[in-house]
């Protein structure tokens, strides 16, 4: 999902809803989308290419054959997404909105399901592990959930944040979590807003409820599904040299969006701002966050776990902990060897 969300209702003149769409209706819809992207999209230099893609789509065989609103929305999404992964066109039947409830929103689901936190634990060797699938809005309830998670791992010797299945959400949640990882005010990220021509800076919070861990090694697990605010969290911690990124290159969405409700049940998301990292002066749009250690998602946790144990083995003076570390490293090595042998046998059978 998105790092920062803004919703706006926009109604273009109604020209009637039908079960199938005429060529005239398609052209009016595409023109409305073209107009809004031209006035709102954050990357001005890319607008001519986007308009050209929409023009080509309006004259394509695929558009002529797309006679249902669902098919039109899917086609327009495939046209727009290559320009920016936060673009999207959706449709719902306005006649059925009364009879059938709308799908649950991202933040409603996060609020209902523990702000996305699915697992918080202390792994063998005293390694903290936090797995969560979204970045909730920061409010009293979500703050307590973050405090509980960080309290559970506050005495660990390394932290693994699992963002493999994290679709993003509110970037302020990343700011809150990051504030546990620095002891001095730190500039994390900035957002440039096209409408106002202003830039908002995001710094770590001075006051948090809990223990700060500025020197604890941090590992972040990523995949090709890691998106938006989750990517922001990984990107700025990577470039601040505060975390090691392990896994796959992320999806590549760095632009906060605005939702526009267009008549006839169509809705479009348009990126209206962009992340600006204080160190790189850029962001991860279209390219994703590149991992420091590239491995398939299935191997990311074991890889980061092994790295954290190997690092801790060099520094701990606790003999019992050292014993735990050696035993766990042995298990991880054996598991890795077993998986490699199975893969070799599988290839030989082919």
Protein backbone atom coordinates (compact mmCIF):
# COMPACT_ATOMS: atom_id res chain seq x y z
CA UNK A 1 0.00 0.00 0.00
CA UNK A 2 0.94 3.65 0.13
CA UNK A 3 3.28 5.67 2.24
CA UNK A 4 0.92 8.64 2.64
CA UNK A 5 -2.65 8.63 1.39
CA UNK A 6 -4.86 11.54 0.36
CA UNK A 7 -8.44 11.01 -0.81
CA UNK A 8 -10.39 13.38 -3.04
CA UNK A 9 -13.82 12.93 -4.61
CA UNK A 10 -14.03 14.03 -8.23
CA UNK A 11 -17.17 13.82 -10.34
CA UNK A 12 -17.02 14.34 -14.08
CA UNK A 13 -20.29 14.93 -15.94
CA UNK A 14 -22.44 11.82 -15.86
CA UNK A 15 -23.04 10.24 -19.23
CA UNK A 16 -24.90 7.17 -18.05
CA UNK A 17 -23.88 3.75 -16.83
CA UNK A 18 -24.51 0.72 -19.02
CA UNK A 19 -23.51 -2.93 -18.82
CA UNK A 20 -21.07 -2.36 -21.69
CA UNK A 21 -19.14 0.76 -22.62
CA UNK A 22 -19.37 2.53 -25.94
CA UNK A 23 -16.38 4.04 -27.74
CA UNK A 24 -17.62 7.50 -26.76
CA UNK A 25 -17.80 6.57 -23.07
CA UNK A 26 -14.29 5.11 -23.18
CA UNK A 27 -12.92 8.27 -24.78
CA UNK A 28 -14.58 10.50 -22.18
CA UNK A 29 -13.21 8.33 -19.38
CA UNK A 30 -9.67 8.34 -20.81
CA UNK A 31 -9.86 12.11 -21.35
CA UNK A 32 -10.85 12.61 -17.70
CA UNK A 33 -7.94 10.45 -16.54
CA UNK A 34 -5.56 12.27 -18.90
CA UNK A 35 -6.68 15.64 -17.52
CA UNK A 36 -6.23 14.68 -13.88
CA UNK A 37 -2.83 13.07 -14.40
CA UNK A 38 -1.66 16.13 -16.35
CA UNK A 39 -2.61 18.46 -13.49
CA UNK A 40 -1.72 16.29 -10.49
CA UNK A 41 1.09 13.81 -11.27
CA UNK A 42 4.29 14.67 -9.44
CA UNK A 43 6.85 13.93 -12.17
CA UNK A 44 6.16 16.61 -14.76
CA UNK A 45 8.82 15.31 -17.13
CA UNK A 46 7.00 11.96 -17.44
CA UNK A 47 3.54 13.37 -18.23
CA UNK A 48 4.01 13.58 -22.05
CA UNK A 49 4.93 9.88 -22.21
CA UNK A 50 1.95 8.95 -20.01
CA UNK A 51 -0.43 10.96 -22.19
CA UNK A 52 0.99 9.27 -25.28
CA UNK A 53 0.41 5.84 -23.71
CA UNK A 54 -3.20 6.74 -22.92
CA UNK A 55 -3.72 8.01 -26.48
CA UNK A 56 -2.33 4.80 -27.93
CA UNK A 57 -4.47 2.74 -25.57
CA UNK A 58 -7.64 4.60 -26.62
CA UNK A 59 -7.01 3.57 -30.24
CA UNK A 60 -5.87 0.02 -29.56
CA UNK A 61 -7.59 -3.24 -30.45
CA UNK A 62 -7.43 -4.19 -26.79
CA UNK A 63 -9.50 -1.13 -25.84
CA UNK A 64 -12.01 -1.78 -28.61
CA UNK A 65 -12.46 -5.33 -27.31
CA UNK A 66 -12.71 -4.26 -23.64
CA UNK A 67 -16.47 -3.75 -23.29
CA UNK A 68 -16.92 -4.28 -19.56
CA UNK A 69 -15.86 -1.72 -16.92
CA UNK A 70 -13.72 -4.32 -15.16
CA UNK A 71 -11.80 -5.04 -18.36
CA UNK A 72 -11.37 -1.32 -19.08
CA UNK A 73 -10.03 -0.66 -15.56
CA UNK A 74 -7.57 -3.55 -15.81
CA UNK A 75 -6.37 -2.42 -19.23
CA UNK A 76 -5.84 1.17 -18.12
CA UNK A 77 -3.92 -0.05 -15.07
CA UNK A 78 -1.56 -2.07 -17.28
CA UNK A 79 -1.04 1.06 -19.42
CA UNK A 80 -0.26 3.33 -16.46
CA UNK A 81 1.71 1.06 -14.08
CA UNK A 82 4.91 0.94 -16.19
CA UNK A 83 5.15 4.72 -15.71
CA UNK A 84 4.61 4.55 -11.93
CA UNK A 85 3.72 1.54 -9.81
CA UNK A 86 1.35 3.61 -7.66
CA UNK A 87 -0.94 4.28 -10.62
CA UNK A 88 -4.07 2.16 -10.66
CA UNK A 89 -7.62 2.19 -12.02
CA UNK A 90 -10.40 0.33 -10.24
CA UNK A 91 -14.11 -0.06 -10.82
CA UNK A 92 -17.08 -1.00 -8.67
CA UNK A 93 -20.71 -1.19 -9.73
CA UNK A 94 -22.43 1.93 -8.32
CA UNK A 95 -25.78 0.11 -8.48
CA UNK A 96 -24.57 -2.66 -6.18
CA UNK A 97 -22.96 -0.43 -3.52
CA UNK A 98 -26.12 -0.49 -1.41
CA UNK A 99 -26.63 -4.24 -1.53
CA UNK A 100 -23.00 -5.33 -1.19
CA UNK A 101 -20.52 -3.86 1.31
CA UNK A 102 -17.33 -2.33 -0.04
CA UNK A 103 -14.07 -4.31 0.34
CA UNK A 104 -12.29 -3.70 3.63
CA UNK A 105 -9.79 -0.86 3.42
CA UNK A 106 -6.08 -1.37 4.05
CA UNK A 107 -5.97 0.68 7.24
CA UNK A 108 -9.27 -0.74 8.53
CA UNK A 109 -7.76 -4.20 8.17
CA UNK A 110 -4.54 -3.12 9.87
CA UNK A 111 -6.46 -1.62 12.78
CA UNK A 112 -8.49 -4.80 13.16
CA UNK A 113 -5.51 -7.15 12.88
CA UNK A 114 -2.95 -5.96 15.40
CA UNK A 115 -1.55 -3.20 13.14
CA UNK A 116 -0.10 -5.90 10.90
CA UNK A 117 2.17 -7.47 13.52
CA UNK A 118 1.99 -11.25 13.11
CA UNK A 119 5.01 -12.50 15.02
CA UNK A 120 7.31 -10.96 17.62
CA UNK A 121 9.77 -13.30 19.28
CA UNK A 122 13.28 -13.80 20.65
CA UNK A 123 15.13 -16.41 18.59
CA UNK A 124 17.84 -18.69 19.92
CA UNK A 125 21.03 -16.74 20.53
CA UNK A 126 19.01 -13.70 21.70
CA UNK A 127 18.03 -12.35 18.29
CA UNK A 128 14.85 -10.24 18.13
CA UNK A 129 12.44 -10.99 15.28
CA UNK A 130 9.46 -8.84 14.20
CA UNK A 131 7.26 -9.89 11.28
CA UNK A 132 4.58 -7.45 10.06
CA UNK A 133 2.64 -7.04 6.81
CA UNK A 134 1.69 -3.35 6.86
CA UNK A 135 2.45 0.09 8.29
CA UNK A 136 -0.61 1.25 10.23
CA UNK A 137 -1.64 4.84 10.91
CA UNK A 138 0.03 6.07 14.09
CA UNK A 139 -2.61 6.41 16.81
CA UNK A 140 -2.99 5.47 20.45
CA UNK A 141 -3.78 1.83 19.69
CA UNK A 142 -1.00 1.28 17.13
CA UNK A 143 1.54 3.06 19.34
CA UNK A 144 0.79 0.62 22.15
CA UNK A 145 1.27 -2.28 19.75
CA UNK A 146 4.65 -0.95 18.62
CA UNK A 147 5.66 -0.36 22.25
CA UNK A 148 4.70 -3.95 23.11
CA UNK A 149 6.68 -5.36 20.19
CA UNK A 150 9.78 -3.28 20.88
CA UNK A 151 9.60 -4.01 24.62
CA UNK A 152 9.65 -7.75 23.96
CA UNK A 153 12.91 -7.50 21.99
CA UNK A 154 14.48 -4.58 23.89
CA UNK A 155 17.25 -6.70 25.45
CA UNK A 156 18.14 -8.67 22.32
CA UNK A 157 21.55 -8.43 20.68
CA UNK A 158 20.30 -8.03 17.10
CA UNK A 159 16.96 -7.28 15.44
CA UNK A 160 15.44 -8.78 12.29
CA UNK A 161 12.51 -6.89 10.75
CA UNK A 162 10.65 -9.15 8.32
CA UNK A 163 9.09 -7.04 5.52
CA UNK A 164 8.86 -9.86 2.98
CA UNK A 165 5.05 -9.63 2.83
CA UNK A 166 4.76 -5.97 3.81
CA UNK A 167 2.66 -3.88 1.42
CA UNK A 168 3.32 -0.55 3.14
CA UNK A 169 0.85 2.00 4.46
CA UNK A 170 1.62 5.05 6.56
CA UNK A 171 5.23 6.26 6.56
CA UNK A 172 4.75 7.79 10.01
CA UNK A 173 4.78 4.26 11.41
CA UNK A 174 8.27 3.76 9.97
CA UNK A 175 9.29 7.01 11.63
CA UNK A 176 7.99 5.73 14.99
CA UNK A 177 9.75 2.35 14.76
CA UNK A 178 12.98 3.95 13.53
CA UNK A 179 13.02 6.24 16.56
CA UNK A 180 13.91 3.18 18.68
CA UNK A 181 17.06 2.67 16.60
CA UNK A 182 18.81 6.05 17.05
CA UNK A 183 19.89 7.99 20.14
CA UNK A 184 20.21 11.36 18.37
CA UNK A 185 17.74 13.24 16.13
CA UNK A 186 18.17 11.76 12.65
CA UNK A 187 16.76 12.93 9.32
CA UNK A 188 15.11 9.85 7.81
CA UNK A 189 13.28 11.01 4.71
CA UNK A 190 11.56 13.96 3.01
CA UNK A 191 8.41 14.22 0.90
CA UNK A 192 8.02 16.79 -1.86
CA UNK A 193 4.37 17.77 -2.49
CA UNK A 194 3.53 19.02 -5.98
CA UNK A 195 0.34 20.91 -5.00
CA UNK A 196 2.04 23.16 -2.49
CA UNK A 197 5.61 23.01 -3.82
CA UNK A 198 6.65 22.23 -0.24
CA UNK A 199 8.90 19.59 1.26
CA UNK A 200 8.11 17.84 4.55
CA UNK A 201 11.04 16.41 6.52
CA UNK A 202 10.71 13.29 8.65
CA UNK A 203 13.07 12.96 11.61
CA UNK A 204 13.27 10.44 14.39
CA UNK A 205 11.10 11.27 17.40
CA UNK A 206 12.88 12.57 20.49
CA UNK A 207 10.47 10.90 22.92
CA UNK A 208 9.39 7.26 22.74
CA UNK A 209 8.00 4.85 25.31
CA UNK A 210 10.68 2.23 25.62
CA UNK A 211 14.37 1.56 25.35
CA UNK A 212 16.40 2.94 22.46
CA UNK A 213 18.82 0.55 20.75
CA UNK A 214 21.18 2.73 18.69
CA UNK A 215 24.01 0.20 18.58
CA UNK A 216 22.07 -3.03 18.06
CA UNK A 217 22.66 -4.60 14.61
CA UNK A 218 19.52 -4.46 12.42
CA UNK A 219 18.60 -6.70 9.49
CA UNK A 220 15.64 -6.09 7.17
CA UNK A 221 14.16 -8.89 5.06
CA UNK A 222 12.71 -7.87 1.70
CA UNK A 223 11.05 -9.39 -1.36
CA UNK A 224 9.62 -8.31 -4.70
CA UNK A 225 6.33 -7.75 -2.82
CA UNK A 226 7.79 -5.30 -0.30
CA UNK A 227 6.18 -1.99 -1.24
CA UNK A 228 5.83 1.73 -0.58
CA UNK A 229 6.22 2.70 3.12
CA UNK A 230 7.95 -0.64 3.77
CA UNK A 231 10.44 0.23 1.03
CA UNK A 232 10.94 3.68 2.53
CA UNK A 233 11.81 2.14 5.91
CA UNK A 234 14.35 -0.20 4.28
CA UNK A 235 15.77 2.51 2.00
CA UNK A 236 16.56 5.15 4.58
CA UNK A 237 17.90 2.70 7.16
CA UNK A 238 20.13 1.21 4.47
CA UNK A 239 21.56 4.57 3.42
CA UNK A 240 21.96 5.68 7.03
CA UNK A 241 24.03 2.49 7.38
CA UNK A 242 21.74 1.48 10.22
CA UNK A 243 20.48 -1.78 8.71
CA UNK A 244 21.60 -4.58 6.42
CA UNK A 245 19.01 -5.43 3.75
CA UNK A 246 18.70 -9.17 3.02
CA UNK A 247 16.50 -10.71 0.35
CA UNK A 248 15.14 -9.54 -2.99
CA UNK A 249 14.90 -6.17 -4.73
CA UNK A 250 11.67 -4.52 -3.63
CA UNK A 251 8.71 -3.53 -5.83
CA UNK A 252 9.69 0.09 -6.47
CA UNK A 253 6.99 2.54 -5.37
CA UNK A 254 8.20 5.81 -3.84
CA UNK A 255 5.32 8.21 -4.54
CA UNK A 256 2.48 9.05 -2.12
CA UNK A 257 -0.88 9.00 -3.87
CA UNK A 258 -4.25 10.66 -4.17
CA UNK A 259 -7.43 8.67 -4.81
CA UNK A 260 -9.94 10.19 -7.22
CA UNK A 261 -13.46 8.85 -7.52
CA UNK A 262 -14.58 9.32 -11.11
CA UNK A 263 -18.21 8.93 -12.17
CA UNK A 264 -19.62 5.55 -13.23
CA UNK A 265 -17.83 3.73 -10.43
CA UNK A 266 -14.24 4.28 -11.63
CA UNK A 267 -11.48 5.27 -9.21
CA UNK A 268 -7.88 6.18 -10.02
CA UNK A 269 -4.83 6.53 -7.81
CA UNK A 270 -2.42 9.27 -8.89
CA UNK A 271 1.01 9.85 -7.31
CA UNK A 272 1.04 13.50 -6.23
CA UNK A 273 4.28 13.62 -4.20
CA UNK A 274 7.69 11.95 -4.11
CA UNK A 275 10.16 10.76 -1.53
CA UNK A 276 13.50 12.59 -1.43
CA UNK A 277 16.20 10.88 0.60
CA UNK A 278 18.50 13.34 2.43
CA UNK A 279 21.56 11.25 1.58
CA UNK A 280 20.98 10.04 -1.98
CA UNK A 281 18.77 13.03 -2.98
CA UNK A 282 16.68 10.45 -4.85
CA UNK A 283 14.45 7.47 -4.09
CA UNK A 284 13.62 3.90 -5.12
CA UNK A 285 10.85 4.62 -7.64
CA UNK A 286 10.83 2.08 -10.45
CA UNK A 287 14.04 0.37 -9.35
CA UNK A 288 13.20 -0.81 -5.84
CA UNK A 289 15.46 -1.03 -2.82
CA UNK A 290 18.49 -3.12 -3.68
CA UNK A 291 19.47 -5.63 -0.99
CA UNK A 292 22.93 -5.63 0.52
CA UNK A 293 22.80 -9.41 0.45
CA UNK A 294 20.70 -10.77 -2.42
CA UNK A 295 19.00 -14.12 -1.76
CA UNK A 296 15.57 -15.56 -2.64
CA UNK A 297 12.87 -14.63 -0.14
CA UNK A 298 12.68 -18.20 1.12
CA UNK A 299 16.32 -17.95 2.25
CA UNK A 300 16.23 -14.40 3.63
CA UNK A 301 15.40 -15.21 7.26
CA UNK A 302 17.95 -17.99 7.64
CA UNK A 303 20.61 -15.85 5.94
CA UNK A 304 20.01 -12.84 8.19
CA UNK A 305 19.73 -15.08 11.25
CA UNK A 306 23.04 -16.74 10.45
CA UNK A 307 24.75 -13.39 9.81
CA UNK A 308 23.51 -12.00 13.13
CA UNK A 309 24.71 -15.08 15.01
CA UNK A 310 28.12 -14.99 13.34
CA UNK A 311 28.53 -11.33 14.29
CA UNK A 312 27.35 -11.92 17.85
CA UNK A 313 29.69 -14.90 18.24
CA UNK A 314 32.65 -12.51 17.97
CA UNK A 315 31.47 -10.19 20.72
CA UNK A 316 29.55 -12.10 23.39
CA UNK A 317 31.28 -13.04 26.63
CA UNK A 318 28.37 -15.15 27.88
CA UNK A 319 29.36 -18.80 27.68
CA UNK A 320 25.77 -20.07 27.72
CA UNK A 321 24.81 -17.71 24.93
CA UNK A 322 27.89 -18.74 22.98
CA UNK A 323 26.81 -22.34 23.33
CA UNK A 324 23.34 -21.46 21.99
CA UNK A 325 24.89 -19.62 19.06
CA UNK A 326 27.17 -22.51 18.06
CA UNK A 327 24.29 -24.98 18.24
CA UNK A 328 21.97 -22.81 16.18
CA UNK A 329 24.65 -22.12 13.58
CA UNK A 330 25.22 -25.87 13.28
CA UNK A 331 21.48 -26.41 12.72
CA UNK A 332 21.25 -23.64 10.14
CA UNK A 333 24.30 -24.97 8.27
CA UNK A 334 22.88 -28.49 8.21
CA UNK A 335 19.51 -27.20 7.01
CA UNK A 336 21.14 -25.19 4.24
CA UNK A 337 23.22 -28.18 3.19
CA UNK A 338 20.14 -30.43 3.17
CA UNK A 339 18.20 -27.99 0.98
CA UNK A 340 21.08 -27.69 -1.47
CA UNK A 341 21.35 -31.49 -1.72
CA UNK A 342 17.62 -31.77 -2.39
CA UNK A 343 17.84 -29.13 -5.11
CA UNK A 344 20.78 -30.95 -6.72
CA UNK A 345 18.87 -34.25 -6.74
CA UNK A 346 15.85 -32.52 -8.22
CA UNK A 347 17.94 -31.07 -11.06
CA UNK A 348 19.60 -34.43 -11.72
CA UNK A 349 16.18 -36.13 -12.02
CA UNK A 350 15.14 -33.55 -14.60
